[in-house]
Amino acid sequence: MATERDYYAILGVPRTATDAEIKRAFRKLAQQWHPDVNRDSGADERFKEINESYQVLSDPQRRQAYDMFGAAGVNGSGAFTGAQQGFGGFSDLFDAFFGGTAAGGATRRGRAAVGSDLRYDLRVSFEESIRGTEKEIEYSLLDRCATCSGSGAKAGSAAIACPQCQGRGEIRHVRQTMLGQMVNVVACPRCRGEGKVVELPCEDCGGDGRRERTKRLRVSVPAGIDDGHQIRLSAEGEVGPRGGPPGSLYVAIHVTPHPSLKREGTELFHQLSLSIAQAALGTSVRVPTADGEEDLEIKPGTQPGTEIRLRGRGAPHLRRAGARGDLHVLVDVKIPSKLTKEQREALESFAAASGESGLGTARPGVLDRLKDALG
């Protein structure tokens, strides 16, 4: 069976890495392993792994799916298929070698900057993570200025074309490289790639087109969500400056652990302690499940280490409606470290009836002898 590759390990970044850290790691590895630079026999496959990892982790939606479901969450969804198999994010790859964008590639012409993504940490109980819930959250963000409607311009005025880049939003420089003549494209420093500048800024937002405010939002938490999962809410992040589109809000889920159940994916595990008598004679006990306590029949002669599997009593599958994991009850038979006189006599009678001899011959300690003497 093939081992699933860890995209974070391939790029050498932690799971908490920012987009900028992921991009820097990709550029560094691309310079080292690109087949045009590295002639080792395994360089081509190594570079494909690096590129595939970057394709997934540089895209917020694919990264979220990978964090939640592993490679299964991105396979078949375009993580490394079709046209994207060509060493992709070409602008990033080119930038790794030449510090800019190749001619003919994507440009920043007149493109308004996208607002920042935001993160909100939401804690839910174990029971809420199993059955799903709705939560109201409140967070601060930079939202569109009501005075200028996000344009950043003072009332009665408007933004004009940037005089430095003539409204293109970019500055181009031609340079010679080992691959020939290349055009290096960078964002215009004056308009920051927007192609427009505000000469008479709005007094309320200072020309930024945004003001800080508090926002309330109801978040639907799906049944079966696990600790560490994230919920992406498109267009609920900060708006971009001067009318730029909003980013996303990522709600990071933190689940309060259950006191008696341990979760691994959709499977739940419970450690059940039984006495010698319960395991030997059989009994009925109450065990916790994802939906509350249930009666469990223990068969006579149950051995230590026995696993009792309750199908469909685990956590729901996030992507398979109606499907659930199982509850695994692991039996542990407790041997008493101290016995009363009645318990000892009962066990000695059991041993005699079983034909066992030589039991209980260990020399008693001083305290034991003292207790016997005192009756």
Protein backbone atom coordinates (compact mmCIF):
# COMPACT_ATOMS: atom_id res chain seq x y z
CA MET A 1 0.00 0.00 0.00
CA ALA A 2 1.38 3.40 -0.99
CA THR A 3 2.08 5.84 1.82
CA GLU A 4 0.15 9.11 1.59
CA ARG A 5 2.51 12.02 1.06
CA ASP A 6 2.41 14.94 3.47
CA TYR A 7 2.37 18.17 1.45
CA TYR A 8 3.59 20.19 4.44
CA ALA A 9 6.57 17.86 4.93
CA ILE A 10 7.42 18.01 1.23
CA LEU A 11 7.66 21.81 1.38
CA GLY A 12 9.30 21.67 4.80
CA VAL A 13 6.79 23.95 6.53
CA PRO A 14 4.59 23.42 9.63
CA ARG A 15 0.82 23.06 9.34
CA THR A 16 0.49 26.54 10.80
CA ALA A 17 2.57 28.11 8.02
CA THR A 18 1.29 31.34 6.49
CA ASP A 19 0.72 31.82 2.77
CA ALA A 20 3.92 33.86 2.57
CA GLU A 21 5.95 31.09 4.28
CA ILE A 22 4.53 28.47 1.91
CA LYS A 23 5.39 30.63 -1.08
CA ARG A 24 8.95 31.24 0.14
CA ALA A 25 9.48 27.51 0.72
CA PHE A 26 8.22 26.70 -2.79
CA ARG A 27 10.53 29.25 -4.43
CA LYS A 28 13.55 27.99 -2.54
CA LEU A 29 12.86 24.35 -3.44
CA ALA A 30 12.01 25.23 -7.05
CA GLN A 31 15.42 26.84 -7.49
CA GLN A 32 17.05 23.71 -6.11
CA TRP A 33 15.06 20.97 -7.87
CA HIS A 34 13.88 22.38 -11.20
CA PRO A 35 14.95 19.87 -13.93
CA ASP A 36 16.55 22.65 -15.98
CA VAL A 37 18.87 23.37 -13.06
CA ASN A 38 19.23 20.03 -11.27
CA ARG A 39 20.41 17.18 -13.52
CA ASP A 40 20.05 14.42 -10.91
CA SER A 41 17.95 11.45 -12.02
CA GLY A 42 15.30 12.00 -9.35
CA ALA A 43 15.04 15.79 -9.72
CA ASP A 44 12.07 15.65 -12.09
CA GLU A 45 9.91 13.56 -9.73
CA ARG A 46 11.02 15.59 -6.73
CA PHE A 47 10.04 18.81 -8.47
CA LYS A 48 6.63 17.38 -9.40
CA GLU A 49 6.03 16.56 -5.71
CA ILE A 50 7.05 20.09 -4.71
CA ASN A 51 4.81 21.62 -7.35
CA GLU A 52 1.84 19.42 -6.44
CA SER A 53 2.20 20.34 -2.77
CA TYR A 54 2.32 24.04 -3.59
CA GLN A 55 -0.73 23.80 -5.87
CA VAL A 56 -2.79 22.50 -2.93
CA LEU A 57 -1.39 24.53 -0.02
CA SER A 58 -1.34 27.87 -1.88
CA ASP A 59 -5.08 27.66 -2.57
CA PRO A 60 -7.17 28.40 0.58
CA GLN A 61 -10.05 26.10 -0.42
CA ARG A 62 -7.83 23.15 -1.35
CA ARG A 63 -5.69 23.66 1.73
CA GLN A 64 -8.77 23.58 3.95
CA ALA A 65 -9.99 20.39 2.27
CA TYR A 66 -6.52 18.82 2.67
CA ASP A 67 -6.33 19.80 6.37
CA MET A 68 -9.75 18.27 7.01
CA PHE A 69 -9.63 15.12 4.89
CA GLY A 70 -6.04 14.60 3.74
CA ALA A 71 -5.25 13.74 0.13
CA ALA A 72 -8.77 12.33 -0.29
CA GLY A 73 -10.12 15.84 0.12
CA VAL A 74 -8.27 17.17 -2.94
CA ASN A 75 -7.95 14.14 -5.23
CA GLY A 76 -10.06 14.62 -8.28
CA SER A 77 -10.80 18.22 -7.35
CA GLY A 78 -8.04 19.73 -9.44
CA ALA A 79 -5.17 19.52 -6.96
CA PHE A 80 -2.76 18.26 -9.61
CA THR A 81 -4.73 17.48 -12.73
CA GLY A 82 -5.17 18.74 -16.25
CA ALA A 83 -3.53 22.00 -17.17
CA GLN A 84 -2.31 22.54 -13.62
CA GLN A 85 0.15 19.69 -13.96
CA GLY A 86 2.38 22.02 -15.94
CA PHE A 87 4.82 23.45 -13.42
CA GLY A 88 2.21 25.59 -12.03
CA GLY A 89 1.68 28.81 -10.52
CA PHE A 90 4.00 29.80 -13.40
CA SER A 91 4.29 33.34 -12.13
CA ASP A 92 5.49 31.98 -8.78
CA LEU A 93 7.94 29.64 -10.47
CA PHE A 94 9.27 32.42 -12.70
CA ASP A 95 9.52 34.71 -9.72
CA ALA A 96 11.58 32.05 -7.94
CA PHE A 97 14.30 32.49 -10.59
CA PHE A 98 13.88 36.05 -11.85
CA GLY A 99 11.96 37.98 -9.21
CA GLY A 100 9.03 38.94 -11.43
CA THR A 101 6.38 37.76 -13.88
CA ALA A 102 7.01 36.40 -17.36
CA ALA A 103 5.69 38.41 -20.32
CA GLY A 104 2.26 37.19 -21.29
CA GLY A 105 1.51 35.98 -17.76
CA ALA A 106 -1.13 37.28 -15.40
CA THR A 107 -0.81 41.02 -14.71
CA ARG A 108 -2.11 43.35 -12.07
CA ARG A 109 -3.69 45.80 -14.51
CA GLY A 110 -6.23 47.90 -12.61
CA ARG A 111 -6.97 45.10 -10.19
CA ALA A 112 -8.31 46.17 -6.81
CA ALA A 113 -6.55 44.53 -3.88
CA VAL A 114 -8.44 41.73 -2.19
CA GLY A 115 -9.15 42.15 1.52
CA SER A 116 -7.41 40.07 4.15
CA ASP A 117 -8.66 36.70 5.30
CA LEU A 118 -9.59 36.50 8.97
CA ARG A 119 -9.55 33.68 11.53
CA TYR A 120 -12.01 33.16 14.36
CA ASP A 121 -11.47 30.47 17.01
CA LEU A 122 -14.75 28.83 18.00
CA ARG A 123 -15.10 26.34 20.86
CA VAL A 124 -17.92 23.80 20.80
CA SER A 125 -18.79 20.98 23.18
CA PHE A 126 -18.24 17.34 22.25
CA GLU A 127 -22.00 16.83 21.95
CA GLU A 128 -22.33 19.85 19.62
CA SER A 129 -19.57 18.50 17.39
CA ILE A 130 -21.48 15.23 17.04
CA ARG A 131 -24.97 16.53 16.33
CA GLY A 132 -24.06 19.88 14.72
CA THR A 133 -25.11 23.30 15.93
CA GLU A 134 -25.42 26.98 15.11
CA LYS A 135 -23.36 29.63 16.85
CA GLU A 136 -23.44 33.39 16.76
CA ILE A 137 -20.01 34.96 16.62
CA GLU A 138 -18.81 38.54 16.86
CA TYR A 139 -15.54 39.83 15.41
CA SER A 140 -13.86 43.06 14.35
CA LEU A 141 -12.90 43.79 10.75
CA LEU A 142 -12.19 46.55 8.26
CA ASP A 143 -15.45 47.06 6.37
CA ARG A 144 -16.53 49.40 3.60
CA CYS A 145 -16.61 53.07 4.64
CA ALA A 146 -20.21 54.27 4.67
CA THR A 147 -19.24 57.89 3.93
CA CYS A 148 -17.45 57.27 0.61
CA SER A 149 -19.04 53.85 -0.15
CA GLY A 150 -15.57 52.36 -0.18
CA SER A 151 -14.08 54.54 -2.92
CA GLY A 152 -11.75 56.37 -0.55
CA ALA A 153 -12.49 59.69 -2.31
CA LYS A 154 -14.01 62.77 -0.73
CA ALA A 155 -17.65 63.49 -1.60
CA GLY A 156 -17.86 65.17 -5.00
CA SER A 157 -14.49 63.78 -6.16
CA ALA A 158 -13.28 60.50 -7.61
CA ALA A 159 -10.12 58.48 -8.04
CA ILE A 160 -7.99 59.27 -11.10
CA ALA A 161 -5.66 57.17 -13.23
CA CYS A 162 -2.25 56.78 -11.62
CA PRO A 163 0.19 59.16 -13.34
CA GLN A 164 3.19 56.91 -12.71
CA CYS A 165 1.84 53.81 -14.47
CA GLN A 166 -0.84 55.55 -16.58
CA GLY A 167 -3.54 53.42 -14.99
CA ARG A 168 -1.93 50.07 -15.82
CA GLY A 169 -1.21 49.21 -12.20
CA GLU A 170 2.20 47.79 -13.12
CA ILE A 171 5.72 48.78 -14.02
CA ARG A 172 7.63 46.69 -16.59
CA HIS A 173 11.38 46.25 -16.90
CA VAL A 174 13.12 44.30 -19.67
CA ARG A 175 16.11 42.24 -18.58
CA GLN A 176 18.41 39.63 -20.09
CA THR A 177 18.51 36.17 -18.48
CA MET A 178 19.91 32.77 -19.33
CA LEU A 179 16.59 32.04 -21.05
CA GLY A 180 16.75 35.18 -23.19
CA GLN A 181 14.98 38.48 -22.89
CA MET A 182 12.40 38.57 -20.13
CA VAL A 183 9.95 41.20 -18.98
CA ASN A 184 9.91 41.73 -15.23
CA VAL A 185 6.50 43.03 -14.11
CA VAL A 186 6.00 44.53 -10.66
CA ALA A 187 3.13 46.38 -9.04
CA CYS A 188 3.25 50.13 -9.36
CA PRO A 189 4.62 51.49 -6.06
CA ARG A 190 2.45 54.60 -6.14
CA CYS A 191 -0.99 53.02 -6.67
CA ARG A 192 0.03 49.57 -5.33
CA GLY A 193 -1.22 47.85 -8.46
CA GLU A 194 -4.70 49.38 -8.47
CA GLY A 195 -4.16 51.73 -11.41
CA LYS A 196 -5.93 54.57 -9.59
CA VAL A 197 -5.00 57.11 -6.93
CA VAL A 198 -7.13 59.30 -4.68
CA GLU A 199 -6.12 62.96 -4.65
CA LEU A 200 -8.87 64.17 -2.29
CA PRO A 201 -9.23 61.43 0.35
CA CYS A 202 -12.37 60.81 2.38
CA GLU A 203 -12.08 62.48 5.77
CA ASP A 204 -13.62 59.55 7.64
CA CYS A 205 -11.38 56.76 6.29
CA GLY A 206 -8.34 58.77 5.15
CA GLY A 207 -8.67 57.51 1.57
CA ASP A 208 -8.48 53.84 2.46
CA GLY A 209 -12.17 53.21 1.77
CA ARG A 210 -12.48 51.12 4.96
CA ARG A 211 -13.34 51.62 8.59
CA GLU A 212 -13.16 49.20 11.52
CA ARG A 213 -16.44 47.86 12.85
CA THR A 214 -17.86 44.89 14.74
CA LYS A 215 -19.81 42.27 12.83
CA ARG A 216 -22.19 39.57 14.09
CA LEU A 217 -22.63 36.37 12.12
CA ARG A 218 -24.39 33.03 12.59
CA VAL A 219 -22.19 30.06 11.78
CA SER A 220 -23.61 26.64 10.95
CA VAL A 221 -21.37 23.92 12.44
CA PRO A 222 -21.96 20.60 10.61
CA ALA A 223 -22.52 17.33 12.48
CA GLY A 224 -19.32 15.31 12.78
CA ILE A 225 -16.87 18.20 12.73
CA ASP A 226 -13.66 17.45 14.61
CA ASP A 227 -11.12 19.43 16.59
CA GLY A 228 -8.80 21.37 14.26
CA HIS A 229 -11.24 21.55 11.34
CA GLN A 230 -11.94 24.92 9.73
CA ILE A 231 -15.10 26.35 8.19
CA ARG A 232 -14.50 28.78 5.32
CA LEU A 233 -17.02 31.59 4.92
CA SER A 234 -16.44 33.36 1.59
CA ALA A 235 -16.63 37.15 1.46
CA GLU A 236 -16.94 37.45 5.25
CA GLY A 237 -13.38 38.69 5.78
CA GLU A 238 -12.07 42.23 5.44
CA VAL A 239 -12.89 44.22 2.31
CA GLY A 240 -10.03 45.38 0.13
CA PRO A 241 -8.93 49.03 0.14
CA ARG A 242 -10.86 51.41 -2.10
CA GLY A 243 -13.58 49.02 -3.18
CA GLY A 244 -11.53 45.83 -3.31
CA PRO A 245 -13.37 42.51 -2.90
CA PRO A 246 -13.57 40.96 0.59
CA GLY A 247 -11.48 38.06 1.80
CA SER A 248 -12.75 34.99 3.62
CA LEU A 249 -13.39 34.22 7.26
CA TYR A 250 -11.93 30.95 8.54
CA VAL A 251 -13.65 29.61 11.65
CA ALA A 252 -11.23 27.28 13.44
CA ILE A 253 -13.08 24.67 15.50
CA HIS A 254 -11.92 23.62 18.96
CA VAL A 255 -13.85 20.72 20.51
CA THR A 256 -13.98 20.26 24.29
CA PRO A 257 -12.84 16.66 24.97
CA HIS A 258 -15.33 14.11 26.30
CA PRO A 259 -14.44 12.83 29.79
CA SER A 260 -14.84 9.14 28.83
CA LEU A 261 -14.63 8.94 25.04
CA LYS A 262 -11.61 9.33 22.81
CA ARG A 263 -12.13 10.23 19.16
CA GLU A 264 -10.03 9.19 16.17
CA GLY A 265 -11.70 10.39 12.99
CA THR A 266 -15.22 8.98 13.06
CA GLU A 267 -14.29 6.18 15.49
CA LEU A 268 -14.89 6.51 19.23
CA PHE A 269 -13.12 4.54 21.98
CA HIS A 270 -14.11 3.88 25.58
CA GLN A 271 -12.07 2.10 28.26
CA LEU A 272 -14.43 -0.06 30.36
CA SER A 273 -13.25 -1.33 33.75
CA LEU A 274 -14.86 -4.55 35.05
CA SER A 275 -14.34 -6.47 38.26
CA ILE A 276 -13.30 -10.13 38.23
CA ALA A 277 -16.85 -11.14 39.11
CA GLN A 278 -18.42 -8.99 36.37
CA ALA A 279 -16.09 -10.38 33.72
CA ALA A 280 -16.52 -13.99 34.85
CA LEU A 281 -20.29 -14.00 35.49
CA GLY A 282 -21.43 -11.43 32.97
CA THR A 283 -23.42 -8.28 33.70
CA SER A 284 -25.16 -5.25 32.23
CA VAL A 285 -23.36 -1.90 32.42
CA ARG A 286 -24.00 1.65 31.23
CA VAL A 287 -21.49 2.98 28.68
CA PRO A 288 -21.21 6.46 27.14
CA THR A 289 -21.87 6.88 23.42
CA ALA A 290 -21.94 9.87 21.08
CA ASP A 291 -25.67 10.20 21.78
CA GLY A 292 -25.68 9.58 25.55
CA GLU A 293 -25.41 6.52 27.78
CA GLU A 294 -26.64 3.07 26.68
CA ASP A 295 -26.93 -0.36 28.30
CA LEU A 296 -24.27 -2.85 27.24
CA GLU A 297 -24.51 -6.58 27.94
CA ILE A 298 -21.26 -8.18 29.10
CA LYS A 299 -21.11 -11.87 28.28
CA PRO A 300 -19.92 -14.35 30.97
CA GLY A 301 -16.24 -15.15 30.63
CA THR A 302 -15.26 -11.83 29.01
CA GLN A 303 -11.49 -11.65 28.89
CA PRO A 304 -9.19 -8.67 29.58
CA GLY A 305 -8.42 -6.81 26.35
CA THR A 306 -11.71 -7.82 24.70
CA GLU A 307 -13.01 -5.23 22.22
CA ILE A 308 -16.78 -4.84 21.95
CA ARG A 309 -17.75 -2.95 18.80
CA LEU A 310 -21.00 -1.01 18.66
CA ARG A 311 -21.62 -0.21 15.00
CA GLY A 312 -23.05 3.18 14.13
CA ARG A 313 -22.43 4.61 17.61
CA GLY A 314 -19.44 6.71 16.57
CA ALA A 315 -19.17 10.19 15.04
CA PRO A 316 -20.99 11.13 11.81
CA HIS A 317 -19.11 11.30 8.51
CA LEU A 318 -18.83 14.89 7.29
CA ARG A 319 -19.05 13.98 3.60
CA ARG A 320 -21.34 10.92 3.70
CA ALA A 321 -24.84 11.81 4.79
CA GLY A 322 -26.28 9.36 7.31
CA ALA A 323 -23.04 7.38 7.71
CA ARG A 324 -21.39 7.06 11.11
CA GLY A 325 -18.35 5.44 12.62
CA ASP A 326 -18.33 2.84 15.40
CA LEU A 327 -17.83 2.85 19.16
CA HIS A 328 -15.08 0.53 20.39
CA VAL A 329 -15.45 -0.57 24.02
CA LEU A 330 -12.11 -1.89 25.33
CA VAL A 331 -12.47 -4.15 28.39
CA ASP A 332 -10.04 -3.87 31.30
CA VAL A 333 -10.48 -6.34 34.19
CA LYS A 334 -9.32 -4.83 37.46
CA ILE A 335 -7.48 -7.09 39.94
CA PRO A 336 -7.97 -5.84 43.53
CA SER A 337 -4.73 -4.96 45.29
CA LYS A 338 -6.25 -5.62 48.74
CA LEU A 339 -8.90 -8.15 49.81
CA THR A 340 -11.23 -8.25 52.77
CA LYS A 341 -11.41 -11.44 54.79
CA GLU A 342 -14.67 -12.43 53.11
CA GLN A 343 -13.27 -11.72 49.62
CA ARG A 344 -10.17 -13.76 50.34
CA GLU A 345 -12.18 -16.72 51.64
CA ALA A 346 -14.44 -16.57 48.59
CA LEU A 347 -11.48 -16.62 46.22
CA GLU A 348 -9.82 -19.46 48.14
CA SER A 349 -13.04 -21.46 47.83
CA PHE A 350 -13.10 -20.72 44.10
CA ALA A 351 -9.47 -21.82 43.76
CA ALA A 352 -10.15 -25.03 45.67
CA ALA A 353 -13.18 -25.78 43.49
CA SER A 354 -11.00 -25.21 40.41
CA GLY A 355 -8.37 -27.67 41.66
CA GLU A 356 -5.77 -24.95 42.12
CA SER A 357 -3.36 -25.25 45.03
CA GLY A 358 -0.53 -23.24 46.53
CA LEU A 359 -2.41 -19.96 46.21
CA GLY A 360 -2.21 -17.26 48.84
CA THR A 361 0.99 -18.71 50.37
CA ALA A 362 2.96 -15.49 50.15
CA ARG A 363 4.12 -14.48 53.61
CA PRO A 364 1.88 -11.69 54.98
CA GLY A 365 3.43 -8.42 55.99
CA VAL A 366 3.61 -7.02 59.51
CA LEU A 367 0.52 -4.85 59.01
CA ASP A 368 -1.45 -7.79 57.64
CA ARG A 369 -0.52 -9.95 60.66
CA LEU A 370 -1.42 -7.10 63.00
CA LYS A 371 -4.84 -6.71 61.34
CA ASP A 372 -5.48 -10.46 61.65
CA ALA A 373 -4.49 -10.41 65.33
CA LEU A 374 -6.91 -7.57 66.02
CA GLY A 375 -9.70 -9.52 64.35
